[in-house]
Protein backbone atom coordinates (compact mmCIF):
# COMPACT_ATOMS: atom_id res chain seq x y z
CA MET A 1 76.00 -11.19 2.18
CA THR A 2 76.19 -13.32 -0.66
CA ARG A 3 78.60 -15.43 0.18
CA GLN A 4 77.90 -15.90 3.54
CA LEU A 5 74.29 -17.16 2.69
CA SER A 6 75.69 -19.37 0.51
CA ALA A 7 77.80 -21.09 3.28
CA LEU A 8 74.59 -20.86 5.43
CA MET A 9 72.78 -23.00 2.83
CA VAL A 10 75.32 -25.36 2.67
CA PHE A 11 75.29 -26.51 6.01
CA ALA A 12 71.74 -25.49 6.13
CA MET A 13 68.43 -25.98 4.76
CA SER A 14 68.99 -30.12 4.13
CA PHE A 15 66.77 -30.71 7.28
CA ALA A 16 63.64 -31.22 5.59
CA PHE A 17 64.52 -34.60 4.03
CA ALA A 18 61.59 -36.75 5.67
CA GLY A 19 63.36 -38.85 8.17
CA SER A 20 66.39 -39.24 6.07
CA CYS A 21 67.01 -38.85 2.45
CA PHE A 22 68.66 -41.96 2.63
CA ALA A 23 67.08 -45.39 2.41
CA GLN A 24 66.47 -48.05 5.09
CA SER A 25 66.93 -51.56 4.71
CA ASP A 26 63.86 -53.39 2.98
CA ASP A 27 63.18 -55.79 5.86
CA MET A 28 59.84 -55.34 8.12
CA PRO A 29 61.15 -55.19 11.89
CA ASP A 30 57.71 -56.11 13.51
CA GLU A 31 59.33 -57.72 16.09
CA GLY A 32 61.31 -54.51 17.82
CA TRP A 33 62.59 -51.49 16.38
CA GLU A 34 65.41 -50.50 13.65
CA PHE A 35 67.40 -47.53 13.95
CA LYS A 36 69.32 -45.33 11.66
CA VAL A 37 71.63 -42.24 12.10
CA THR A 38 72.86 -40.33 8.93
CA PRO A 39 75.58 -38.05 9.28
CA TYR A 40 74.96 -35.59 5.73
CA PHE A 41 77.12 -32.72 4.14
CA LEU A 42 75.26 -30.01 1.81
CA ALA A 43 77.09 -28.12 -0.96
CA ALA A 44 74.19 -25.48 -1.84
CA GLY A 45 74.39 -22.36 -3.64
CA LEU A 46 71.67 -19.79 -2.59
CA ASP A 47 69.31 -17.36 -4.67
CA GLY A 48 66.85 -15.01 -3.48
CA LYS A 49 66.53 -12.32 -0.89
CA THR A 50 66.69 -11.81 2.98
CA GLY A 51 65.75 -8.78 5.57
CA VAL A 52 65.20 -7.53 8.96
CA ALA A 53 63.25 -4.33 9.72
CA SER A 54 61.79 -3.88 6.72
CA VAL A 55 65.69 -3.59 4.81
CA THR A 56 66.14 -6.46 2.38
CA THR A 57 69.04 -7.33 0.12
CA ASP A 58 69.46 -9.86 -2.29
CA ILE A 59 71.53 -12.79 -2.92
CA ASP A 60 73.16 -15.09 -5.57
CA VAL A 61 75.64 -17.26 -4.37
CA PRO A 62 77.33 -20.26 -6.41
CA PHE A 63 78.02 -23.42 -3.83
CA SER A 64 81.48 -23.34 -5.07
CA GLU A 65 81.96 -20.27 -2.64
CA VAL A 66 79.88 -21.74 0.52
CA PHE A 67 82.95 -22.73 2.62
CA ASP A 68 84.68 -18.61 2.59
CA HIS A 69 82.29 -17.74 5.70
CA LEU A 70 81.35 -20.75 7.37
CA ASP A 71 82.27 -20.42 11.19
CA ALA A 72 80.56 -23.45 12.44
CA GLY A 73 77.91 -26.28 11.15
CA PHE A 74 76.47 -29.49 11.83
CA MET A 75 73.83 -32.22 10.13
CA MET A 76 72.02 -35.14 11.24
CA ALA A 77 69.34 -37.21 10.60
CA ALA A 78 67.76 -40.22 12.68
CA THR A 79 65.05 -42.46 12.06
CA ALA A 80 63.39 -45.30 14.18
CA ARG A 81 61.32 -47.85 12.26
CA ARG A 82 59.00 -50.62 13.47
CA GLY A 83 56.78 -52.44 10.79
CA ARG A 84 55.57 -49.79 8.34
CA TRP A 85 56.05 -46.95 11.00
CA ILE A 86 58.71 -44.67 10.61
CA LEU A 87 59.52 -42.19 13.14
CA GLY A 88 62.13 -39.74 12.06
CA LEU A 89 64.21 -36.11 13.18
CA ASP A 90 66.57 -34.40 11.17
CA ALA A 91 68.66 -31.31 12.87
CA LEU A 92 70.69 -28.82 11.32
CA TYR A 93 73.10 -25.86 12.65
CA PHE A 94 75.12 -23.27 11.23
CA LYS A 95 76.56 -19.93 11.80
CA LEU A 96 77.67 -17.71 8.87
CA SER A 97 79.79 -14.08 8.99
CA GLY A 98 81.45 -11.73 7.17
CA ALA A 99 80.21 -11.51 3.48
CA ASP A 100 78.77 -8.26 1.59
CA SER A 101 76.06 -7.17 -1.16
CA LYS A 102 75.57 -4.04 -2.58
CA THR A 103 71.90 -4.17 -3.62
CA VAL A 104 69.27 -3.21 -1.14
CA SER A 105 65.82 -2.27 -0.26
CA GLY A 106 63.78 -0.77 2.63
CA PRO A 107 62.31 2.04 3.93
CA PHE A 108 64.53 4.27 1.98
CA GLY A 109 63.67 2.94 -1.59
CA VAL A 110 65.62 0.66 -3.96
CA ILE A 111 69.49 1.76 -3.79
CA THR A 112 72.83 0.55 -4.59
CA VAL A 113 75.25 0.90 -1.55
CA GLU A 114 78.53 2.35 -2.24
CA GLY A 115 79.80 0.37 0.48
CA THR A 116 79.22 -3.05 2.31
CA VAL A 117 76.37 -4.89 3.74
CA ASP A 118 78.01 -7.34 6.43
CA LEU A 119 75.46 -10.13 7.49
CA THR A 120 75.93 -12.95 10.29
CA VAL A 121 73.36 -15.59 10.35
CA THR A 122 72.67 -18.21 12.27
CA GLN A 123 70.20 -21.11 11.38
CA GLN A 124 68.67 -23.89 13.39
CA LEU A 125 66.38 -26.38 11.30
CA TYR A 126 64.82 -29.50 13.19
CA GLN A 127 62.31 -31.52 11.56
CA PRO A 128 60.29 -34.48 13.53
CA THR A 129 58.66 -36.84 10.84
CA ILE A 130 55.96 -39.54 10.95
CA ALA A 131 56.08 -41.72 7.73
CA TYR A 132 54.08 -44.91 6.70
CA ARG A 133 55.33 -47.50 4.58
CA ALA A 134 52.58 -47.46 1.95
CA PHE A 135 54.29 -50.10 -0.42
CA ALA A 136 56.85 -52.66 0.32
CA GLU A 137 57.02 -55.42 -2.10
CA SER A 138 60.46 -57.02 -2.52
CA ASP A 139 59.77 -56.62 -6.26
CA ALA A 140 58.52 -53.23 -6.41
CA PRO A 141 59.74 -49.55 -5.60
CA LEU A 142 59.00 -48.53 -1.72
CA LEU A 143 56.68 -45.94 -1.09
CA ASP A 144 57.06 -44.02 2.32
CA VAL A 145 54.41 -40.83 3.08
CA TYR A 146 54.92 -38.57 5.54
CA VAL A 147 54.07 -35.75 7.57
CA ALA A 148 56.38 -33.34 9.44
CA ALA A 149 56.63 -30.26 11.25
CA ARG A 150 59.63 -28.33 10.19
CA TYR A 151 61.01 -25.64 12.46
CA THR A 152 63.51 -23.05 11.25
CA ARG A 153 65.13 -20.36 13.57
CA LEU A 154 67.18 -17.66 12.19
CA ASP A 155 69.04 -14.74 14.17
CA THR A 156 70.63 -12.07 11.71
CA GLU A 157 72.92 -9.37 12.31
CA MET A 158 73.53 -7.14 9.31
CA THR A 159 75.45 -4.01 9.36
CA LEU A 160 74.82 -1.45 6.48
CA THR A 161 78.07 0.99 5.61
CA SER A 162 77.60 3.76 3.48
CA THR A 163 80.39 6.00 1.68
CA THR A 164 77.86 8.42 0.42
CA SER A 165 74.90 10.61 1.80
CA ILE A 166 71.76 8.92 2.07
CA PRO A 167 69.55 10.13 4.96
CA SER A 168 68.19 6.54 6.42
CA PHE A 169 72.11 5.76 6.73
CA PRO A 170 73.38 8.18 9.76
CA ASN A 171 76.75 8.59 9.75
CA GLY A 172 77.14 6.02 7.29
CA THR A 173 76.42 3.19 8.86
CA ARG A 174 73.18 1.39 10.11
CA GLN A 175 72.58 -1.72 12.38
CA LEU A 176 69.88 -4.20 12.32
CA ASP A 177 69.16 -7.08 14.14
CA GLY A 178 66.75 -9.42 14.15
CA ASP A 179 65.79 -13.14 15.14
CA VAL A 180 62.58 -15.42 14.30
CA SER A 181 61.33 -18.74 14.75
CA TRP A 182 58.07 -20.68 12.59
CA TRP A 183 56.81 -23.87 12.10
CA ASP A 184 55.52 -25.18 9.17
CA PRO A 185 53.33 -28.42 8.47
CA VAL A 186 54.69 -30.43 6.01
CA ILE A 187 53.49 -33.58 4.03
CA GLY A 188 55.48 -35.90 1.44
CA LYS A 189 56.76 -39.12 -0.41
CA ARG A 190 59.66 -40.99 -0.59
CA THR A 191 60.26 -43.36 -3.44
CA THR A 192 62.97 -45.88 -2.96
CA ILE A 193 63.92 -48.23 -6.30
CA ARG A 194 66.06 -51.30 -5.55
CA VAL A 195 68.15 -51.61 -8.76
CA THR A 196 70.60 -54.16 -7.56
CA ASP A 197 71.18 -55.91 -3.63
CA HIS A 198 73.49 -53.14 -3.34
CA LEU A 199 72.45 -50.30 -5.69
CA PHE A 200 69.39 -48.25 -4.99
CA GLY A 201 67.76 -44.75 -5.89
CA THR A 202 65.86 -42.21 -4.06
CA THR A 203 63.63 -39.38 -4.65
CA ILE A 204 61.52 -37.15 -1.85
CA VAL A 205 59.01 -34.68 -2.78
CA ASP A 206 57.04 -32.66 -0.33
CA VAL A 207 55.48 -29.30 0.21
CA GLY A 208 54.25 -27.51 3.26
CA GLY A 209 54.01 -24.10 4.74
CA PHE A 210 49.86 -23.21 3.77
CA GLY A 211 50.63 -19.81 5.43
CA VAL A 212 51.05 -21.22 8.78
CA GLY A 213 54.36 -20.24 9.44
CA SER A 214 56.25 -19.69 6.19
CA ASP A 215 53.92 -18.58 3.01
CA VAL A 216 54.88 -21.98 1.21
CA THR A 217 57.86 -24.10 1.87
CA TYR A 218 58.65 -27.20 -1.02
CA GLN A 219 61.59 -29.34 -1.74
CA TRP A 220 62.67 -32.15 -4.10
CA LEU A 221 65.47 -34.38 -4.35
CA VAL A 222 67.21 -37.43 -6.27
CA ALA A 223 69.87 -39.57 -5.01
CA ALA A 224 71.76 -42.56 -5.62
CA GLY A 225 73.23 -44.96 -3.04
CA TRP A 226 75.17 -48.27 -2.33
CA HIS A 227 74.56 -50.50 0.43
CA PHE A 228 78.31 -51.72 1.77
CA THR A 229 76.70 -54.11 4.23
CA ASN A 230 73.68 -54.75 6.13
CA SER A 231 74.08 -52.01 8.07
CA ILE A 232 76.40 -49.49 5.96
CA SER A 233 75.44 -47.13 3.40
CA THR A 234 76.31 -44.33 1.25
CA SER A 235 73.89 -41.75 -1.09
CA ALA A 236 74.77 -38.90 -3.10
CA GLY A 237 72.30 -36.60 -4.74
CA TYR A 238 70.73 -33.38 -5.70
CA ARG A 239 68.43 -30.73 -3.36
CA TYR A 240 66.19 -28.19 -4.40
CA LEU A 241 64.69 -26.56 -1.12
CA LYS A 242 62.62 -23.32 -1.18
CA GLN A 243 61.27 -21.55 1.57
CA ASP A 244 59.20 -17.99 1.87
CA TYR A 245 58.66 -16.55 4.71
CA ASP A 246 57.83 -12.51 5.25
CA LYS A 247 56.49 -11.63 8.50
CA ASP A 248 57.11 -8.63 10.69
CA GLY A 249 59.45 -7.06 8.66
CA PHE A 250 61.26 -10.11 8.80
CA VAL A 251 62.43 -11.81 5.09
CA TRP A 252 63.85 -15.06 4.09
CA ASP A 253 62.93 -15.96 0.29
CA MET A 254 65.13 -18.39 -0.90
CA VAL A 255 65.78 -21.21 -2.70
CA ALA A 256 68.69 -23.27 -1.81
CA ARG A 257 70.33 -25.97 -4.48
CA GLY A 258 73.04 -28.26 -4.69
CA PHE A 259 74.71 -31.43 -3.72
CA ILE A 260 73.89 -34.00 -0.78
CA LEU A 261 76.40 -36.48 0.16
CA GLY A 262 75.92 -38.98 3.56
CA VAL A 263 76.43 -41.84 5.37
CA GLY A 264 73.83 -44.42 7.16
CA ILE A 265 74.49 -46.29 9.93
CA GLU A 266 71.85 -49.11 10.94
CA PHE A 267 71.33 -50.90 13.98
């Protein structure tokens, strides 16, 4: 389960990049729209816990193991900008399977299973965003402030297999399935610093949840990028994302942190 959930976050929780973590061009298209598409890749480790039907297990996975259990993954961000207004949408899908963990807690208490916890997780993340470019002077950093709605859907299958005699594990095996989805309101800011005509740096900070969906969700990101042309750029950086959801026996209390790489195409 540990390694699986690492891969989960590898191709996952990066959707929260308000519109896109990669800067758009500096001009202000007052007449007409400017569009940008950014396929991206996130390699992140996981640290936290997940659970179904009040049965939880701890996760602590380095990003070096993320590909071991990844079945499928897709990540894409898109933005449309006119003047100071920016509309964005991030989308992410991934499926992980076939990992194990041994520390489990639930109605039976906290135990160390002499066996395995096998987990399959499918996660979808979608975030529509509305941003406003508050500062856009040519000789100063660009500042975008934004509001967003962060949608998360998780489908989880957990098989607990024990070689010991535990009453809560009939015949040594217990199958737990569950799915959950929620929306989180999010507020944040993105700052872009233009170092040269080609080199730029980006930072993102946001916070959300507020008990509406998750108890809290927040993230920060730092990245450096390079404009090859007016329409092609690339960025690489480091991202930290926290989600804490715990309702009706479903738990997703997770930190994902790791490296991100993307290519932006503007038109």
